[in-house]
Amino acid sequence: VTPTIAGISVGTFTSDQAFTLSGGEAGASVQYSTDNGTTWQAYTVGVTLSAEGTYQVMAKQSDVAGNPSPNSAAIVLTIDKTTPVTPTVNGISDGIFIANQSFTVTGGEAGATVQYTINNGAAWQTYNGAVTLSVDGIYKVMARQSDAAGNVATPSALITLLIDKTTQWTDIRPGS
């Protein structure tokens, strides 16, 4: 009989994951592996996985006569506790502008969801490419990213700009 793994599931997690094994025969030697069966450890009590990385957890047992059970199916999980780096907003700066302004966001990690806001974080939108600000108004732009585990980066520095294409600006420089 193959032991049953309980307490963990397939996925990506931001915290420690713990599992137990059950269903072993009386007197059997129960073992588990966290590397898809490359190495095996004797099981006595619950196991906590705390180091960052990918685990392929399996279980097996050998009865008192030494007969091995089949290996259980692997449960593949990743622990990622690291907050991703803050992305960078490029192409715009603080100021007042009389024309459309466009920006890009760089620095997203592979598999991350990169988002931007134009209203100081009141609403976040998924970043899919260059963004053009074309409507008159005040924009408060930031970017952030969240990795596959759900860790969210600190938002980028706030960039505040005003687009005003309707006001007639007067040149007040001397000699004009």
N, C-alpha and C. Protein backbone atom coordinates (compact mmCIF):
# COMPACT_ATOMS: atom_id res chain seq x y z
N VAL A 1 0.85 -1.18 0.00
CA VAL A 1 0.00 0.00 0.00
C VAL A 1 0.90 1.24 0.00
N THR A 2 0.63 2.16 -0.90
CA THR A 2 1.39 3.39 -0.98
C THR A 2 0.86 4.38 0.06
N PRO A 3 1.74 4.99 0.86
CA PRO A 3 1.28 6.00 1.83
C PRO A 3 0.64 7.19 1.12
N THR A 4 -0.24 7.88 1.83
CA THR A 4 -0.93 9.06 1.32
C THR A 4 -0.26 10.32 1.86
N ILE A 5 -0.03 11.29 0.99
CA ILE A 5 0.54 12.59 1.38
C ILE A 5 -0.61 13.54 1.64
N ALA A 6 -0.63 14.20 2.79
CA ALA A 6 -1.70 15.14 3.13
C ALA A 6 -1.11 16.47 3.58
N GLY A 7 -1.85 17.55 3.34
CA GLY A 7 -1.46 18.87 3.83
C GLY A 7 -0.82 19.78 2.81
N ILE A 8 -0.44 19.24 1.64
CA ILE A 8 0.15 20.08 0.59
C ILE A 8 -0.59 19.83 -0.72
N SER A 9 -0.40 20.75 -1.64
CA SER A 9 -1.00 20.62 -2.96
C SER A 9 -0.06 21.21 -4.00
N VAL A 10 -0.36 20.94 -5.25
CA VAL A 10 0.40 21.50 -6.35
C VAL A 10 0.21 23.01 -6.36
N GLY A 11 1.27 23.77 -6.58
CA GLY A 11 1.13 25.23 -6.70
C GLY A 11 2.40 25.95 -6.32
N THR A 12 2.27 27.26 -6.26
CA THR A 12 3.36 28.16 -5.87
C THR A 12 2.90 28.91 -4.64
N PHE A 13 3.76 28.95 -3.61
CA PHE A 13 3.36 29.48 -2.31
C PHE A 13 4.40 30.46 -1.78
N THR A 14 3.95 31.40 -0.93
CA THR A 14 4.84 32.42 -0.35
C THR A 14 5.23 32.08 1.08
N SER A 15 4.82 30.92 1.57
CA SER A 15 5.11 30.55 2.96
C SER A 15 5.49 29.07 3.04
N ASP A 16 5.98 28.68 4.22
CA ASP A 16 6.34 27.29 4.46
C ASP A 16 5.14 26.38 4.17
N GLN A 17 5.41 25.17 3.74
CA GLN A 17 4.37 24.18 3.47
C GLN A 17 4.70 22.92 4.28
N ALA A 18 3.71 22.34 4.92
CA ALA A 18 3.92 21.16 5.76
C ALA A 18 3.04 20.02 5.28
N PHE A 19 3.59 18.79 5.38
CA PHE A 19 2.80 17.63 5.00
C PHE A 19 2.99 16.50 6.00
N THR A 20 2.04 15.58 5.97
CA THR A 20 2.11 14.36 6.76
C THR A 20 1.89 13.18 5.82
N LEU A 21 2.28 12.01 6.29
CA LEU A 21 2.05 10.77 5.54
C LEU A 21 1.17 9.88 6.38
N SER A 22 0.27 9.18 5.73
CA SER A 22 -0.59 8.23 6.45
C SER A 22 -0.82 7.01 5.57
N GLY A 23 -1.37 5.96 6.19
CA GLY A 23 -1.72 4.76 5.43
C GLY A 23 -0.63 3.72 5.39
N GLY A 24 0.44 3.94 6.15
CA GLY A 24 1.51 2.94 6.19
C GLY A 24 1.08 1.69 6.96
N GLU A 25 1.57 0.56 6.57
CA GLU A 25 1.29 -0.69 7.28
C GLU A 25 2.00 -0.70 8.63
N ALA A 26 1.45 -1.42 9.58
CA ALA A 26 2.09 -1.56 10.89
C ALA A 26 3.47 -2.18 10.70
N GLY A 27 4.48 -1.56 11.30
CA GLY A 27 5.85 -2.07 11.23
C GLY A 27 6.57 -1.73 9.94
N ALA A 28 5.90 -1.08 8.99
CA ALA A 28 6.53 -0.75 7.71
C ALA A 28 7.50 0.41 7.88
N SER A 29 8.45 0.47 6.99
CA SER A 29 9.39 1.60 6.92
C SER A 29 8.84 2.59 5.90
N VAL A 30 8.40 3.76 6.37
CA VAL A 30 7.79 4.77 5.50
C VAL A 30 8.86 5.82 5.18
N GLN A 31 8.93 6.19 3.91
CA GLN A 31 9.92 7.18 3.47
C GLN A 31 9.24 8.23 2.58
N TYR A 32 9.92 9.38 2.49
CA TYR A 32 9.44 10.44 1.59
C TYR A 32 10.65 11.00 0.84
N SER A 33 10.35 11.62 -0.28
CA SER A 33 11.36 12.29 -1.10
C SER A 33 10.83 13.67 -1.45
N THR A 34 11.71 14.64 -1.49
CA THR A 34 11.31 15.99 -1.92
C THR A 34 11.94 16.34 -3.27
N ASP A 35 12.64 15.37 -3.88
CA ASP A 35 13.31 15.62 -5.16
C ASP A 35 12.96 14.56 -6.20
N ASN A 36 11.67 14.18 -6.23
CA ASN A 36 11.14 13.25 -7.22
C ASN A 36 11.78 11.87 -7.15
N GLY A 37 12.17 11.46 -5.95
CA GLY A 37 12.67 10.11 -5.77
C GLY A 37 14.16 9.93 -5.90
N THR A 38 14.90 11.03 -6.07
CA THR A 38 16.36 10.90 -6.15
C THR A 38 16.93 10.51 -4.79
N THR A 39 16.46 11.16 -3.73
CA THR A 39 16.89 10.79 -2.37
C THR A 39 15.64 10.57 -1.52
N TRP A 40 15.78 9.69 -0.53
CA TRP A 40 14.65 9.33 0.34
C TRP A 40 15.05 9.53 1.79
N GLN A 41 14.07 9.96 2.60
CA GLN A 41 14.27 10.19 4.04
C GLN A 41 13.27 9.33 4.80
N ALA A 42 13.69 8.84 5.97
CA ALA A 42 12.76 8.10 6.83
C ALA A 42 11.72 9.08 7.37
N TYR A 43 10.45 8.67 7.36
CA TYR A 43 9.37 9.52 7.86
C TYR A 43 9.01 9.08 9.27
N THR A 44 8.97 10.05 10.20
CA THR A 44 8.52 9.76 11.55
C THR A 44 7.41 10.71 11.98
N VAL A 45 7.57 12.00 11.67
CA VAL A 45 6.56 13.01 12.00
C VAL A 45 6.41 13.96 10.83
N GLY A 46 5.46 14.89 10.92
CA GLY A 46 5.22 15.86 9.86
C GLY A 46 6.49 16.53 9.38
N VAL A 47 6.48 16.91 8.11
CA VAL A 47 7.64 17.54 7.47
C VAL A 47 7.25 18.94 7.03
N THR A 48 8.12 19.91 7.33
CA THR A 48 7.89 21.30 6.89
C THR A 48 8.93 21.66 5.85
N LEU A 49 8.46 22.14 4.72
CA LEU A 49 9.33 22.63 3.65
C LEU A 49 9.41 24.14 3.80
N SER A 50 10.60 24.66 4.07
CA SER A 50 10.71 26.10 4.33
C SER A 50 11.67 26.82 3.40
N ALA A 51 12.60 26.12 2.80
CA ALA A 51 13.56 26.78 1.91
C ALA A 51 12.88 27.10 0.58
N GLU A 52 13.27 28.22 -0.02
CA GLU A 52 12.74 28.56 -1.33
C GLU A 52 13.22 27.53 -2.35
N GLY A 53 12.35 27.22 -3.28
CA GLY A 53 12.71 26.29 -4.33
C GLY A 53 11.52 25.46 -4.76
N THR A 54 11.78 24.54 -5.68
CA THR A 54 10.74 23.65 -6.18
C THR A 54 10.94 22.27 -5.58
N TYR A 55 9.85 21.70 -5.12
CA TYR A 55 9.85 20.37 -4.50
C TYR A 55 8.96 19.44 -5.30
N GLN A 56 9.37 18.18 -5.39
CA GLN A 56 8.56 17.13 -5.99
C GLN A 56 8.43 16.05 -4.92
N VAL A 57 7.36 16.12 -4.14
CA VAL A 57 7.20 15.29 -2.95
C VAL A 57 6.54 13.96 -3.31
N MET A 58 7.16 12.89 -2.85
CA MET A 58 6.66 11.54 -3.07
C MET A 58 6.77 10.74 -1.77
N ALA A 59 6.05 9.63 -1.70
CA ALA A 59 6.12 8.75 -0.52
C ALA A 59 6.14 7.30 -0.98
N LYS A 60 6.70 6.44 -0.12
CA LYS A 60 6.68 4.99 -0.36
C LYS A 60 6.89 4.30 0.98
N GLN A 61 6.71 3.01 1.01
CA GLN A 61 6.98 2.23 2.21
C GLN A 61 7.48 0.85 1.82
N SER A 62 8.15 0.21 2.77
CA SER A 62 8.55 -1.19 2.63
C SER A 62 7.98 -1.93 3.83
N ASP A 63 7.29 -3.02 3.58
CA ASP A 63 6.68 -3.75 4.69
C ASP A 63 7.76 -4.50 5.48
N VAL A 64 7.37 -5.17 6.56
CA VAL A 64 8.34 -5.83 7.43
C VAL A 64 9.12 -6.91 6.69
N ALA A 65 8.59 -7.45 5.61
CA ALA A 65 9.30 -8.46 4.81
C ALA A 65 10.23 -7.81 3.79
N GLY A 66 10.20 -6.44 3.69
CA GLY A 66 11.06 -5.72 2.75
C GLY A 66 10.45 -5.49 1.39
N ASN A 67 9.18 -5.81 1.23
CA ASN A 67 8.51 -5.59 -0.05
C ASN A 67 8.16 -4.11 -0.21
N PRO A 68 8.64 -3.46 -1.29
CA PRO A 68 8.36 -2.01 -1.46
C PRO A 68 6.98 -1.78 -2.07
N SER A 69 6.38 -0.68 -1.69
CA SER A 69 5.15 -0.23 -2.33
C SER A 69 5.54 0.56 -3.57
N PRO A 70 4.59 0.80 -4.45
CA PRO A 70 4.87 1.75 -5.54
C PRO A 70 5.07 3.15 -4.93
N ASN A 71 5.82 3.97 -5.63
CA ASN A 71 5.96 5.36 -5.21
C ASN A 71 4.63 6.07 -5.44
N SER A 72 4.30 7.01 -4.57
CA SER A 72 3.12 7.83 -4.79
C SER A 72 3.37 8.76 -5.97
N ALA A 73 2.30 9.33 -6.47
CA ALA A 73 2.44 10.37 -7.50
C ALA A 73 3.13 11.58 -6.86
N ALA A 74 3.95 12.26 -7.63
CA ALA A 74 4.65 13.45 -7.11
C ALA A 74 3.69 14.63 -7.00
N ILE A 75 3.82 15.36 -5.90
CA ILE A 75 3.13 16.64 -5.74
C ILE A 75 4.20 17.71 -5.93
N VAL A 76 4.06 18.50 -6.98
CA VAL A 76 5.08 19.49 -7.32
C VAL A 76 4.63 20.85 -6.79
N LEU A 77 5.49 21.45 -5.97
CA LEU A 77 5.18 22.77 -5.42
C LEU A 77 6.43 23.61 -5.36
N THR A 78 6.22 24.91 -5.41
CA THR A 78 7.33 25.87 -5.34
C THR A 78 7.06 26.82 -4.18
N ILE A 79 8.12 27.08 -3.41
CA ILE A 79 8.05 28.08 -2.34
C ILE A 79 8.88 29.27 -2.81
N ASP A 80 8.25 30.42 -2.85
CA ASP A 80 8.89 31.67 -3.28
C ASP A 80 8.49 32.75 -2.29
N LYS A 81 9.42 33.11 -1.41
CA LYS A 81 9.14 34.12 -0.39
C LYS A 81 9.76 35.47 -0.73
N THR A 82 10.45 35.55 -1.85
CA THR A 82 11.20 36.76 -2.21
C THR A 82 10.32 37.75 -2.97
N THR A 83 10.28 38.97 -2.47
CA THR A 83 9.55 40.04 -3.15
C THR A 83 10.30 40.42 -4.41
N PRO A 84 9.60 40.53 -5.55
CA PRO A 84 10.30 40.92 -6.78
C PRO A 84 10.78 42.37 -6.72
N VAL A 85 11.70 42.69 -7.62
CA VAL A 85 12.23 44.05 -7.68
C VAL A 85 11.14 45.00 -8.17
N THR A 86 11.30 46.25 -7.83
CA THR A 86 10.37 47.29 -8.27
C THR A 86 10.63 47.59 -9.74
N PRO A 87 9.59 47.56 -10.58
CA PRO A 87 9.78 47.92 -11.99
C PRO A 87 10.01 49.42 -12.15
N THR A 88 10.43 49.81 -13.34
CA THR A 88 10.74 51.22 -13.63
C THR A 88 9.81 51.75 -14.71
N VAL A 89 9.29 52.96 -14.48
CA VAL A 89 8.49 53.66 -15.49
C VAL A 89 9.45 54.51 -16.30
N ASN A 90 9.42 54.37 -17.63
CA ASN A 90 10.33 55.08 -18.54
C ASN A 90 9.56 55.95 -19.51
N GLY A 91 10.15 57.07 -19.91
CA GLY A 91 9.59 57.89 -20.98
C GLY A 91 8.79 59.10 -20.54
N ILE A 92 8.48 59.20 -19.25
CA ILE A 92 7.75 60.37 -18.75
C ILE A 92 8.45 60.90 -17.52
N SER A 93 8.10 62.14 -17.17
CA SER A 93 8.67 62.76 -15.97
C SER A 93 7.62 63.70 -15.37
N ASP A 94 7.88 64.14 -14.15
CA ASP A 94 7.01 65.13 -13.51
C ASP A 94 6.97 66.38 -14.38
N GLY A 95 5.81 67.03 -14.46
CA GLY A 95 5.76 68.30 -15.19
C GLY A 95 4.39 68.57 -15.79
N ILE A 96 4.34 69.67 -16.53
CA ILE A 96 3.14 70.10 -17.25
C ILE A 96 3.45 69.97 -18.74
N PHE A 97 2.53 69.37 -19.48
CA PHE A 97 2.78 69.09 -20.89
C PHE A 97 1.57 69.51 -21.72
N ILE A 98 1.84 69.96 -22.97
CA ILE A 98 0.78 70.40 -23.87
C ILE A 98 0.54 69.37 -24.98
N ALA A 99 1.12 68.17 -24.82
CA ALA A 99 0.96 67.10 -25.81
C ALA A 99 0.83 65.77 -25.08
N ASN A 100 0.38 64.77 -25.83
CA ASN A 100 0.29 63.42 -25.27
C ASN A 100 1.63 62.99 -24.69
N GLN A 101 1.60 62.14 -23.69
CA GLN A 101 2.81 61.58 -23.09
C GLN A 101 2.68 60.06 -23.08
N SER A 102 3.76 59.37 -23.40
CA SER A 102 3.76 57.90 -23.43
C SER A 102 4.84 57.36 -22.52
N PHE A 103 4.55 56.20 -21.92
CA PHE A 103 5.55 55.56 -21.06
C PHE A 103 5.56 54.06 -21.27
N THR A 104 6.67 53.47 -20.87
CA THR A 104 6.82 52.02 -20.84
C THR A 104 7.23 51.62 -19.43
N VAL A 105 7.12 50.33 -19.14
CA VAL A 105 7.52 49.80 -17.84
C VAL A 105 8.52 48.68 -18.10
N THR A 106 9.66 48.72 -17.41
CA THR A 106 10.68 47.68 -17.55
C THR A 106 11.01 47.11 -16.18
N GLY A 107 11.66 45.96 -16.20
CA GLY A 107 12.12 45.36 -14.95
C GLY A 107 11.23 44.26 -14.42
N GLY A 108 10.26 43.81 -15.21
CA GLY A 108 9.40 42.72 -14.76
C GLY A 108 10.14 41.39 -14.79
N GLU A 109 9.93 40.56 -13.77
CA GLU A 109 10.58 39.25 -13.75
C GLU A 109 9.76 38.26 -14.56
N ALA A 110 10.40 37.21 -15.06
CA ALA A 110 9.72 36.19 -15.86
C ALA A 110 8.55 35.61 -15.07
N GLY A 111 7.41 35.53 -15.71
CA GLY A 111 6.22 34.96 -15.08
C GLY A 111 5.46 35.91 -14.18
N ALA A 112 5.96 37.13 -14.01
CA ALA A 112 5.31 38.10 -13.13
C ALA A 112 4.20 38.83 -13.88
N THR A 113 3.27 39.38 -13.12
CA THR A 113 2.24 40.26 -13.67
C THR A 113 2.66 41.69 -13.37
N VAL A 114 2.89 42.47 -14.41
CA VAL A 114 3.30 43.86 -14.25
C VAL A 114 2.05 44.72 -14.40
N GLN A 115 1.90 45.68 -13.49
CA GLN A 115 0.74 46.57 -13.52
C GLN A 115 1.20 48.02 -13.41
N TYR A 116 0.32 48.92 -13.85
CA TYR A 116 0.57 50.35 -13.70
C TYR A 116 -0.70 51.02 -13.22
N THR A 117 -0.53 52.20 -12.65
CA THR A 117 -1.66 53.03 -12.24
C THR A 117 -1.42 54.43 -12.76
N ILE A 118 -2.50 55.12 -13.10
CA ILE A 118 -2.39 56.52 -13.51
C ILE A 118 -3.12 57.42 -12.53
N ASN A 119 -3.58 56.81 -11.41
CA ASN A 119 -4.35 57.58 -10.42
C ASN A 119 -3.88 57.29 -8.99
N ASN A 120 -2.56 57.21 -8.84
CA ASN A 120 -1.93 57.07 -7.52
C ASN A 120 -2.32 55.79 -6.80
N GLY A 121 -2.61 54.73 -7.55
CA GLY A 121 -2.90 53.43 -6.94
C GLY A 121 -4.36 53.15 -6.68
N ALA A 122 -5.26 54.06 -7.06
CA ALA A 122 -6.69 53.81 -6.85
C ALA A 122 -7.16 52.64 -7.72
N ALA A 123 -6.57 52.49 -8.89
CA ALA A 123 -6.90 51.37 -9.78
C ALA A 123 -5.62 50.96 -10.50
N TRP A 124 -5.37 49.65 -10.57
CA TRP A 124 -4.19 49.11 -11.25
C TRP A 124 -4.65 48.38 -12.50
N GLN A 125 -3.86 48.55 -13.58
CA GLN A 125 -4.17 47.89 -14.85
C GLN A 125 -2.98 47.04 -15.26
N THR A 126 -3.25 45.93 -15.91
CA THR A 126 -2.18 45.06 -16.39
C THR A 126 -1.42 45.76 -17.51
N TYR A 127 -0.10 45.74 -17.41
CA TYR A 127 0.75 46.38 -18.41
C TYR A 127 0.98 45.39 -19.56
N ASN A 128 0.66 45.83 -20.78
CA ASN A 128 0.85 45.00 -21.97
C ASN A 128 1.70 45.67 -23.04
N GLY A 129 2.23 46.85 -22.75
CA GLY A 129 3.01 47.58 -23.73
C GLY A 129 2.86 49.07 -23.49
N ALA A 130 3.49 49.86 -24.34
CA ALA A 130 3.51 51.31 -24.16
C ALA A 130 2.11 51.87 -23.90
N VAL A 131 2.05 52.82 -22.96
CA VAL A 131 0.79 53.47 -22.58
C VAL A 131 0.88 54.94 -22.98
N THR A 132 -0.16 55.43 -23.64
CA THR A 132 -0.21 56.84 -24.03
C THR A 132 -1.28 57.55 -23.21
N LEU A 133 -0.88 58.65 -22.60
CA LEU A 133 -1.79 59.51 -21.84
C LEU A 133 -2.18 60.64 -22.77
N SER A 134 -3.47 60.71 -23.13
CA SER A 134 -3.86 61.67 -24.16
C SER A 134 -4.98 62.62 -23.73
N VAL A 135 -5.64 62.32 -22.64
CA VAL A 135 -6.75 63.16 -22.18
C VAL A 135 -6.20 64.21 -21.22
N ASP A 136 -6.67 65.45 -21.37
CA ASP A 136 -6.25 66.50 -20.43
C ASP A 136 -6.56 66.07 -19.01
N GLY A 137 -5.62 66.34 -18.11
CA GLY A 137 -5.84 66.01 -16.72
C GLY A 137 -4.55 65.73 -15.98
N ILE A 138 -4.70 65.45 -14.69
CA ILE A 138 -3.56 65.14 -13.83
C ILE A 138 -3.41 63.62 -13.76
N TYR A 139 -2.19 63.16 -13.93
CA TYR A 139 -1.87 61.74 -13.87
C TYR A 139 -0.84 61.52 -12.76
N LYS A 140 -1.05 60.48 -12.00
CA LYS A 140 -0.10 60.08 -10.96
C LYS A 140 0.26 58.63 -11.26
N VAL A 141 1.42 58.45 -11.90
CA VAL A 141 1.80 57.17 -12.50
C VAL A 141 2.80 56.41 -11.61
N MET A 142 2.52 55.13 -11.44
CA MET A 142 3.44 54.21 -10.76
C MET A 142 3.31 52.85 -11.43
N ALA A 143 4.26 51.95 -11.15
CA ALA A 143 4.20 50.57 -11.64
C ALA A 143 4.57 49.63 -10.50
N ARG A 144 4.11 48.41 -10.60
CA ARG A 144 4.46 47.35 -9.64
C ARG A 144 4.38 46.02 -10.36
N GLN A 145 4.84 44.99 -9.69
CA GLN A 145 4.70 43.65 -10.24
C GLN A 145 4.44 42.66 -9.12
N SER A 146 3.76 41.58 -9.47
CA SER A 146 3.57 40.48 -8.54
C SER A 146 4.03 39.21 -9.23
N ASP A 147 4.81 38.40 -8.49
CA ASP A 147 5.33 37.19 -9.10
C ASP A 147 4.30 36.06 -9.03
N ALA A 148 4.68 34.91 -9.60
CA ALA A 148 3.75 33.78 -9.68
C ALA A 148 3.26 33.32 -8.31
N ALA A 149 4.06 33.56 -7.27
CA ALA A 149 3.67 33.14 -5.92
C ALA A 149 2.72 34.13 -5.27
N GLY A 150 2.65 35.35 -5.83
CA GLY A 150 1.80 36.38 -5.24
C GLY A 150 2.55 37.43 -4.46
N ASN A 151 3.88 37.36 -4.43
CA ASN A 151 4.68 38.41 -3.79
C ASN A 151 4.55 39.68 -4.61
N VAL A 152 4.28 40.80 -3.96
CA VAL A 152 4.06 42.07 -4.68
C VAL A 152 5.21 43.02 -4.39
N ALA A 153 5.79 43.57 -5.44
CA ALA A 153 6.89 44.53 -5.31
C ALA A 153 6.38 45.86 -4.79
N THR A 154 7.27 46.60 -4.16
CA THR A 154 6.97 47.97 -3.78
C THR A 154 6.72 48.77 -5.06
N PRO A 155 5.70 49.62 -5.10
CA PRO A 155 5.47 50.41 -6.31
C PRO A 155 6.65 51.33 -6.63
N SER A 156 6.80 51.63 -7.90
CA SER A 156 7.86 52.55 -8.34
C SER A 156 7.59 53.95 -7.80
N ALA A 157 8.58 54.80 -7.97
CA ALA A 157 8.43 56.20 -7.55
C ALA A 157 7.27 56.84 -8.30
N LEU A 158 6.53 57.69 -7.60
CA LEU A 158 5.39 58.38 -8.18
C LEU A 158 5.86 59.45 -9.16
N ILE A 159 5.25 59.46 -10.35
CA ILE A 159 5.49 60.50 -11.35
C ILE A 159 4.17 61.23 -11.53
N THR A 160 4.18 62.54 -11.27
CA THR A 160 2.96 63.35 -11.38
C THR A 160 3.11 64.29 -12.58
N LEU A 161 2.12 64.23 -13.47
CA LEU A 161 2.17 65.12 -14.62
C LEU A 161 0.78 65.63 -14.95
N LEU A 162 0.75 66.78 -15.58
CA LEU A 162 -0.48 67.40 -16.03
C LEU A 162 -0.39 67.53 -17.54
N ILE A 163 -1.43 67.04 -18.21
CA ILE A 163 -1.54 67.27 -19.65
C ILE A 163 -2.64 68.31 -19.84
N ASP A 164 -2.28 69.40 -20.51
CA ASP A 164 -3.24 70.48 -20.76
C ASP A 164 -3.00 70.96 -22.18
N LYS A 165 -3.78 70.46 -23.10
CA LYS A 165 -3.63 70.80 -24.52
C LYS A 165 -4.58 71.91 -24.94
N THR A 166 -5.42 72.39 -24.01
CA THR A 166 -6.43 73.39 -24.38
C THR A 166 -6.09 74.79 -23.91
N THR A 167 -5.32 74.94 -22.85
CA THR A 167 -4.98 76.27 -22.35
C THR A 167 -4.02 76.95 -23.33
N GLN A 168 -4.27 78.23 -23.57
CA GLN A 168 -3.37 79.00 -24.41
C GLN A 168 -2.22 79.48 -23.53
N TRP A 169 -1.07 78.88 -23.69
CA TRP A 169 0.09 79.24 -22.88
C TRP A 169 0.76 80.46 -23.49
N THR A 170 1.12 81.40 -22.66
CA THR A 170 1.77 82.62 -23.12
C THR A 170 3.25 82.54 -22.80
N ASP A 171 4.04 82.92 -23.78
CA ASP A 171 5.48 82.92 -23.58
C ASP A 171 5.83 84.18 -22.80
N ILE A 172 6.33 84.01 -21.58
CA ILE A 172 6.66 85.17 -20.73
C ILE A 172 8.15 85.39 -20.62
N ARG A 173 8.90 84.80 -21.52
CA ARG A 173 10.34 85.01 -21.48
C ARG A 173 10.66 86.44 -21.93
N PRO A 174 11.67 87.02 -21.34
CA PRO A 174 12.06 88.39 -21.76
C PRO A 174 12.34 88.42 -23.27
N GLY A 175 11.85 89.46 -23.93
CA GLY A 175 12.11 89.65 -25.35
C GLY A 175 11.13 88.92 -26.25
N SER A 176 10.12 88.29 -25.68
CA SER A 176 9.18 87.57 -26.58
C SER A 176 7.94 88.38 -26.80
